[in-house]
Amino acid sequence: MTPEPGTFVMDTRTGNVGQVMGHQGPYLQLRPPAGGREWDAEPDAVRPVTDAERLSAQVRAVNHRSQSRA
């Protein structure tokens, strides 16, 4: 099953959490929770994130944004 846009997933090849932005050909387009450059991931190389992984990624994103403003 292909994750829907807006879903957070773990890219098992990089170990990074990304938000699914869309699909391009056979790939998923993922964006870091803090924003930034999207990357392509193969659908068979992603899995749903745990609640703890999602929360941790979102906290890092908020911290990144607050440090960028300082």
PDB file of N, CA and C in Angstrom:
ATOM      1  N   MET A   1       0.844  -1.190   0.000  1.00  0.00           N
ATOM      2  CA  MET A   1       0.000   0.000   0.000  1.00  0.00           C
ATOM      3  C   MET A   1       0.886   1.250   0.000  1.00  0.00           C
ATOM      4  N   THR A   2       0.590   2.174  -0.870  1.00  0.00           N
ATOM      5  CA  THR A   2       1.369   3.399  -0.986  1.00  0.00           C
ATOM      6  C   THR A   2       0.845   4.441  -0.004  1.00  0.00           C
ATOM      7  N   PRO A   3       1.739   5.042   0.792  1.00  0.00           N
ATOM      8  CA  PRO A   3       1.306   6.055   1.763  1.00  0.00           C
ATOM      9  C   PRO A   3       0.708   7.281   1.074  1.00  0.00           C
ATOM     10  N   GLU A   4      -0.287   7.852   1.689  1.00  0.00           N
ATOM     11  CA  GLU A   4      -0.953   9.042   1.169  1.00  0.00           C
ATOM     12  C   GLU A   4      -0.123  10.300   1.455  1.00  0.00           C
ATOM     13  N   PRO A   5      -0.234  11.334   0.606  1.00  0.00           N
ATOM     14  CA  PRO A   5       0.425  12.604   0.905  1.00  0.00           C
ATOM     15  C   PRO A   5       0.027  13.107   2.286  1.00  0.00           C
ATOM     16  N   GLY A   6       1.006  13.664   2.990  1.00  0.00           N
ATOM     17  CA  GLY A   6       0.797  14.160   4.345  1.00  0.00           C
ATOM     18  C   GLY A   6       1.199  13.167   5.416  1.00  0.00           C
ATOM     19  N   THR A   7       1.357  11.902   5.023  1.00  0.00           N
ATOM     20  CA  THR A   7       1.730  10.848   5.964  1.00  0.00           C
ATOM     21  C   THR A   7       3.215  10.931   6.282  1.00  0.00           C
ATOM     22  N   PHE A   8       3.568  10.682   7.535  1.00  0.00           N
ATOM     23  CA  PHE A   8       4.974  10.604   7.919  1.00  0.00           C
ATOM     24  C   PHE A   8       5.431   9.164   7.808  1.00  0.00           C
ATOM     25  N   VAL A   9       6.602   8.966   7.203  1.00  0.00           N
ATOM     26  CA  VAL A   9       7.171   7.631   7.036  1.00  0.00           C
ATOM     27  C   VAL A   9       8.650   7.664   7.380  1.00  0.00           C
ATOM     28  N   MET A  10       9.200   6.491   7.625  1.00  0.00           N
ATOM     29  CA  MET A  10      10.637   6.333   7.848  1.00  0.00           C
ATOM     30  C   MET A  10      11.235   5.778   6.571  1.00  0.00           C
ATOM     31  N   ASP A  11      12.227   6.481   6.029  1.00  0.00           N
ATOM     32  CA  ASP A  11      12.986   5.976   4.888  1.00  0.00           C
ATOM     33  C   ASP A  11      14.030   5.027   5.470  1.00  0.00           C
ATOM     34  N   THR A  12      13.823   3.740   5.294  1.00  0.00           N
ATOM     35  CA  THR A  12      14.692   2.755   5.939  1.00  0.00           C
ATOM     36  C   THR A  12      16.094   2.740   5.343  1.00  0.00           C
ATOM     37  N   ARG A  13      16.282   3.308   4.189  1.00  0.00           N
ATOM     38  CA  ARG A  13      17.621   3.344   3.581  1.00  0.00           C
ATOM     39  C   ARG A  13      18.470   4.469   4.144  1.00  0.00           C
ATOM     40  N   THR A  14      17.823   5.556   4.565  1.00  0.00           N
ATOM     41  CA  THR A  14      18.574   6.685   5.115  1.00  0.00           C
ATOM     42  C   THR A  14      18.398   6.827   6.619  1.00  0.00           C
ATOM     43  N   GLY A  15      17.322   6.237   7.156  1.00  0.00           N
ATOM     44  CA  GLY A  15      17.021   6.393   8.578  1.00  0.00           C
ATOM     45  C   GLY A  15      16.367   7.721   8.893  1.00  0.00           C
ATOM     46  N   ASN A  16      15.892   8.431   7.868  1.00  0.00           N
ATOM     47  CA  ASN A  16      15.274   9.736   8.058  1.00  0.00           C
ATOM     48  C   ASN A  16      13.756   9.646   7.995  1.00  0.00           C
ATOM     49  N   VAL A  17      13.108  10.468   8.832  1.00  0.00           N
ATOM     50  CA  VAL A  17      11.665  10.607   8.783  1.00  0.00           C
ATOM     51  C   VAL A  17      11.338  11.654   7.738  1.00  0.00           C
ATOM     52  N   GLY A  18      10.341  11.362   6.925  1.00  0.00           N
ATOM     53  CA  GLY A  18       9.911  12.318   5.916  1.00  0.00           C
ATOM     54  C   GLY A  18       8.405  12.332   5.800  1.00  0.00           C
ATOM     55  N   GLN A  19       7.895  13.456   5.343  1.00  0.00           N
ATOM     56  CA  GLN A  19       6.465  13.578   5.086  1.00  0.00           C
ATOM     57  C   GLN A  19       6.251  13.348   3.598  1.00  0.00           C
ATOM     58  N   VAL A  20       5.328  12.471   3.269  1.00  0.00           N
ATOM     59  CA  VAL A  20       5.049  12.176   1.865  1.00  0.00           C
ATOM     60  C   VAL A  20       4.410  13.411   1.233  1.00  0.00           C
ATOM     61  N   MET A  21       5.065  13.914   0.180  1.00  0.00           N
ATOM     62  CA  MET A  21       4.561  15.080  -0.530  1.00  0.00           C
ATOM     63  C   MET A  21       3.830  14.685  -1.806  1.00  0.00           C
ATOM     64  N   GLY A  22       4.191  13.537  -2.350  1.00  0.00           N
ATOM     65  CA  GLY A  22       3.550  13.085  -3.578  1.00  0.00           C
ATOM     66  C   GLY A  22       4.285  11.893  -4.143  1.00  0.00           C
ATOM     67  N   HIS A  23       3.944  11.584  -5.377  1.00  0.00           N
ATOM     68  CA  HIS A  23       4.523  10.448  -6.074  1.00  0.00           C
ATOM     69  C   HIS A  23       5.042  10.943  -7.415  1.00  0.00           C
ATOM     70  N   GLN A  24       6.226  10.505  -7.779  1.00  0.00           N
ATOM     71  CA  GLN A  24       6.811  10.851  -9.075  1.00  0.00           C
ATOM     72  C   GLN A  24       7.302   9.558  -9.698  1.00  0.00           C
ATOM     73  N   GLY A  25       6.609   9.081 -10.706  1.00  0.00           N
ATOM     74  CA  GLY A  25       6.975   7.797 -11.290  1.00  0.00           C
ATOM     75  C   GLY A  25       6.879   6.714 -10.232  1.00  0.00           C
ATOM     76  N   PRO A  26       7.906   5.887 -10.108  1.00  0.00           N
ATOM     77  CA  PRO A  26       7.858   4.805  -9.131  1.00  0.00           C
ATOM     78  C   PRO A  26       8.268   5.239  -7.724  1.00  0.00           C
ATOM     79  N   TYR A  27       8.600   6.507  -7.529  1.00  0.00           N
ATOM     80  CA  TYR A  27       9.154   6.973  -6.266  1.00  0.00           C
ATOM     81  C   TYR A  27       8.158   7.807  -5.464  1.00  0.00           C
ATOM     82  N   LEU A  28       8.371   7.804  -4.152  1.00  0.00           N
ATOM     83  CA  LEU A  28       7.680   8.727  -3.256  1.00  0.00           C
ATOM     84  C   LEU A  28       8.567   9.940  -3.088  1.00  0.00           C
ATOM     85  N   GLN A  29       7.980  11.095  -3.019  1.00  0.00           N
ATOM     86  CA  GLN A  29       8.731  12.309  -2.732  1.00  0.00           C
ATOM     87  C   GLN A  29       8.505  12.651  -1.266  1.00  0.00           C
ATOM     88  N   LEU A  30       9.605  12.691  -0.517  1.00  0.00           N
ATOM     89  CA  LEU A  30       9.552  12.951   0.921  1.00  0.00           C
ATOM     90  C   LEU A  30      10.219  14.275   1.226  1.00  0.00           C
ATOM     91  N   ARG A  31       9.706  14.952   2.252  1.00  0.00           N
ATOM     92  CA  ARG A  31      10.293  16.217   2.706  1.00  0.00           C
ATOM     93  C   ARG A  31      10.545  16.111   4.199  1.00  0.00           C
ATOM     94  N   PRO A  32      11.685  16.623   4.666  1.00  0.00           N
ATOM     95  CA  PRO A  32      11.947  16.610   6.108  1.00  0.00           C
ATOM     96  C   PRO A  32      10.857  17.378   6.861  1.00  0.00           C
ATOM     97  N   PRO A  33      10.531  16.965   8.086  1.00  0.00           N
ATOM     98  CA  PRO A  33       9.510  17.666   8.862  1.00  0.00           C
ATOM     99  C   PRO A  33       9.827  19.149   9.082  1.00  0.00           C
ATOM    100  N   ALA A  34      11.105  19.507   9.109  1.00  0.00           N
ATOM    101  CA  ALA A  34      11.495  20.908   9.290  1.00  0.00           C
ATOM    102  C   ALA A  34      11.423  21.690   7.989  1.00  0.00           C
ATOM    103  N   GLY A  35      11.013  21.040   6.916  1.00  0.00           N
ATOM    104  CA  GLY A  35      11.008  21.668   5.606  1.00  0.00           C
ATOM    105  C   GLY A  35      12.350  21.450   4.949  1.00  0.00           C
ATOM    106  N   GLY A  36      12.473  21.919   3.759  1.00  0.00           N
ATOM    107  CA  GLY A  36      13.731  21.764   3.048  1.00  0.00           C
ATOM    108  C   GLY A  36      13.566  20.935   1.796  1.00  0.00           C
ATOM    109  N   ARG A  37      14.676  20.458   1.332  1.00  0.00           N
ATOM    110  CA  ARG A  37      14.744  19.768   0.054  1.00  0.00           C
ATOM    111  C   ARG A  37      14.105  18.378   0.121  1.00  0.00           C
ATOM    112  N   GLU A  38      13.265  18.110  -0.850  1.00  0.00           N
ATOM    113  CA  GLU A  38      12.639  16.797  -0.948  1.00  0.00           C
ATOM    114  C   GLU A  38      13.639  15.774  -1.468  1.00  0.00           C
ATOM    115  N   TRP A  39      13.379  14.510  -1.146  1.00  0.00           N
ATOM    116  CA  TRP A  39      14.177  13.432  -1.711  1.00  0.00           C
ATOM    117  C   TRP A  39      13.252  12.323  -2.161  1.00  0.00           C
ATOM    118  N   ASP A  40      13.754  11.509  -3.065  1.00  0.00           N
ATOM    119  CA  ASP A  40      12.987  10.379  -3.580  1.00  0.00           C
ATOM    120  C   ASP A  40      13.283   9.137  -2.765  1.00  0.00           C
ATOM    121  N   ALA A  41      12.249   8.358  -2.513  1.00  0.00           N
ATOM    122  CA  ALA A  41      12.396   7.091  -1.805  1.00  0.00           C
ATOM    123  C   ALA A  41      11.575   6.034  -2.536  1.00  0.00           C
ATOM    124  N   GLU A  42      12.106   4.842  -2.563  1.00  0.00           N
ATOM    125  CA  GLU A  42      11.367   3.742  -3.158  1.00  0.00           C
ATOM    126  C   GLU A  42      10.269   3.318  -2.178  1.00  0.00           C
ATOM    127  N   PRO A  43       9.060   3.091  -2.677  1.00  0.00           N
ATOM    128  CA  PRO A  43       7.952   2.732  -1.784  1.00  0.00           C
ATOM    129  C   PRO A  43       8.233   1.509  -0.922  1.00  0.00           C
ATOM    130  N   ASP A  44       9.023   0.562  -1.415  1.00  0.00           N
ATOM    131  CA  ASP A  44       9.308  -0.624  -0.603  1.00  0.00           C
ATOM    132  C   ASP A  44      10.384  -0.367   0.444  1.00  0.00           C
ATOM    133  N   ALA A  45      10.944   0.847   0.469  1.00  0.00           N
ATOM    134  CA  ALA A  45      11.985   1.194   1.434  1.00  0.00           C
ATOM    135  C   ALA A  45      11.467   2.152   2.505  1.00  0.00           C
ATOM    136  N   VAL A  46      10.144   2.298   2.612  1.00  0.00           N
ATOM    137  CA  VAL A  46       9.584   3.143   3.664  1.00  0.00           C
ATOM    138  C   VAL A  46       8.635   2.314   4.516  1.00  0.00           C
ATOM    139  N   ARG A  47       8.478   2.774   5.740  1.00  0.00           N
ATOM    140  CA  ARG A  47       7.530   2.145   6.650  1.00  0.00           C
ATOM    141  C   ARG A  47       6.871   3.253   7.458  1.00  0.00           C
ATOM    142  N   PRO A  48       5.699   2.974   8.007  1.00  0.00           N
ATOM    143  CA  PRO A  48       5.064   3.984   8.863  1.00  0.00           C
ATOM    144  C   PRO A  48       5.958   4.291  10.064  1.00  0.00           C
ATOM    145  N   VAL A  49       5.941   5.528  10.511  1.00  0.00           N
ATOM    146  CA  VAL A  49       6.709   5.890  11.704  1.00  0.00           C
ATOM    147  C   VAL A  49       5.915   5.509  12.946  1.00  0.00           C
ATOM    148  N   THR A  50       6.640   5.288  14.018  1.00  0.00           N
ATOM    149  CA  THR A  50       5.989   5.098  15.308  1.00  0.00           C
ATOM    150  C   THR A  50       5.581   6.476  15.828  1.00  0.00           C
ATOM    151  N   ASP A  51       4.715   6.503  16.817  1.00  0.00           N
ATOM    152  CA  ASP A  51       4.330   7.781  17.416  1.00  0.00           C
ATOM    153  C   ASP A  51       5.556   8.503  17.973  1.00  0.00           C
ATOM    154  N   ALA A  52       6.463   7.743  18.595  1.00  0.00           N
ATOM    155  CA  ALA A  52       7.670   8.345  19.173  1.00  0.00           C
ATOM    156  C   ALA A  52       8.572   8.932  18.089  1.00  0.00           C
ATOM    157  N   GLU A  53       8.717   8.246  16.974  1.00  0.00           N
ATOM    158  CA  GLU A  53       9.555   8.762  15.871  1.00  0.00           C
ATOM    159  C   GLU A  53       8.947  10.031  15.276  1.00  0.00           C
ATOM    160  N   ARG A  54       7.628  10.040  15.103  1.00  0.00           N
ATOM    161  CA  ARG A  54       6.957  11.218  14.554  1.00  0.00           C
ATOM    162  C   ARG A  54       7.108  12.400  15.496  1.00  0.00           C
ATOM    163  N   LEU A  55       6.865  12.177  16.779  1.00  0.00           N
ATOM    164  CA  LEU A  55       6.978  13.248  17.762  1.00  0.00           C
ATOM    165  C   LEU A  55       8.406  13.781  17.816  1.00  0.00           C
ATOM    166  N   SER A  56       9.383  12.896  17.830  1.00  0.00           N
ATOM    167  CA  SER A  56      10.782  13.305  17.869  1.00  0.00           C
ATOM    168  C   SER A  56      11.140  14.160  16.649  1.00  0.00           C
ATOM    169  N   ALA A  57      10.687  13.748  15.471  1.00  0.00           N
ATOM    170  CA  ALA A  57      10.972  14.508  14.250  1.00  0.00           C
ATOM    171  C   ALA A  57      10.296  15.875  14.294  1.00  0.00           C
ATOM    172  N   GLN A  58       9.085  15.946  14.812  1.00  0.00           N
ATOM    173  CA  GLN A  58       8.382  17.225  14.894  1.00  0.00           C
ATOM    174  C   GLN A  58       9.036  18.150  15.906  1.00  0.00           C
ATOM    175  N   VAL A  59       9.513  17.615  17.021  1.00  0.00           N
ATOM    176  CA  VAL A  59      10.219  18.439  18.014  1.00  0.00           C
ATOM    177  C   VAL A  59      11.510  18.989  17.404  1.00  0.00           C
ATOM    178  N   ARG A  60      12.254  18.150  16.678  1.00  0.00           N
ATOM    179  CA  ARG A  60      13.470  18.628  16.010  1.00  0.00           C
ATOM    180  C   ARG A  60      13.137  19.746  15.021  1.00  0.00           C
ATOM    181  N   ALA A  61      12.011  19.614  14.308  1.00  0.00           N
ATOM    182  CA  ALA A  61      11.609  20.640  13.340  1.00  0.00           C
ATOM    183  C   ALA A  61      11.304  21.960  14.034  1.00  0.00           C
ATOM    184  N   VAL A  62      10.583  21.898  15.148  1.00  0.00           N
ATOM    185  CA  VAL A  62      10.261  23.125  15.904  1.00  0.00           C
ATOM    186  C   VAL A  62      11.539  23.755  16.444  1.00  0.00           C
ATOM    187  N   ASN A  63      12.442  22.942  16.986  1.00  0.00           N
ATOM    188  CA  ASN A  63      13.708  23.461  17.494  1.00  0.00           C
ATOM    189  C   ASN A  63      14.515  24.105  16.377  1.00  0.00           C
ATOM    190  N   HIS A  64      14.529  23.488  15.219  1.00  0.00           N
ATOM    191  CA  HIS A  64      15.272  24.029  14.071  1.00  0.00           C
ATOM    192  C   HIS A  64      14.719  25.393  13.672  1.00  0.00           C
ATOM    193  N   ARG A  65      13.383  25.493  13.613  1.00  0.00           N
ATOM    194  CA  ARG A  65      12.768  26.765  13.246  1.00  0.00           C
ATOM    195  C   ARG A  65      13.059  27.844  14.276  1.00  0.00           C
ATOM    196  N   SER A  66      13.016  27.511  15.570  1.00  0.00           N
ATOM    197  CA  SER A  66      13.263  28.517  16.600  1.00  0.00           C
ATOM    198  C   SER A  66      14.710  28.952  16.599  1.00  0.00           C
ATOM    199  N   GLN A  67      15.637  28.060  16.306  1.00  0.00           N
ATOM    200  CA  GLN A  67      17.062  28.429  16.248  1.00  0.00           C
ATOM    201  C   GLN A  67      17.353  29.276  15.012  1.00  0.00           C
ATOM    202  N   SER A  68      16.606  29.057  13.940  1.00  0.00           N
ATOM    203  CA  SER A  68      16.809  29.827  12.708  1.00  0.00           C
ATOM    204  C   SER A  68      16.386  31.270  12.889  1.00  0.00           C
ATOM    205  N   ARG A  69      15.447  31.516  13.784  1.00  0.00           N
ATOM    206  CA  ARG A  69      14.945  32.877  14.018  1.00  0.00           C
ATOM    207  C   ARG A  69      15.844  33.666  14.948  1.00  0.00           C
ATOM    208  N   ALA A  70      16.665  32.978  15.716  1.00  0.00           N
ATOM    209  CA  ALA A  70      17.513  33.644  16.713  1.00  0.00           C
ATOM    210  C   ALA A  70      18.677  34.360  16.072  1.00  0.00           C
TER     211      ALA A  70
END
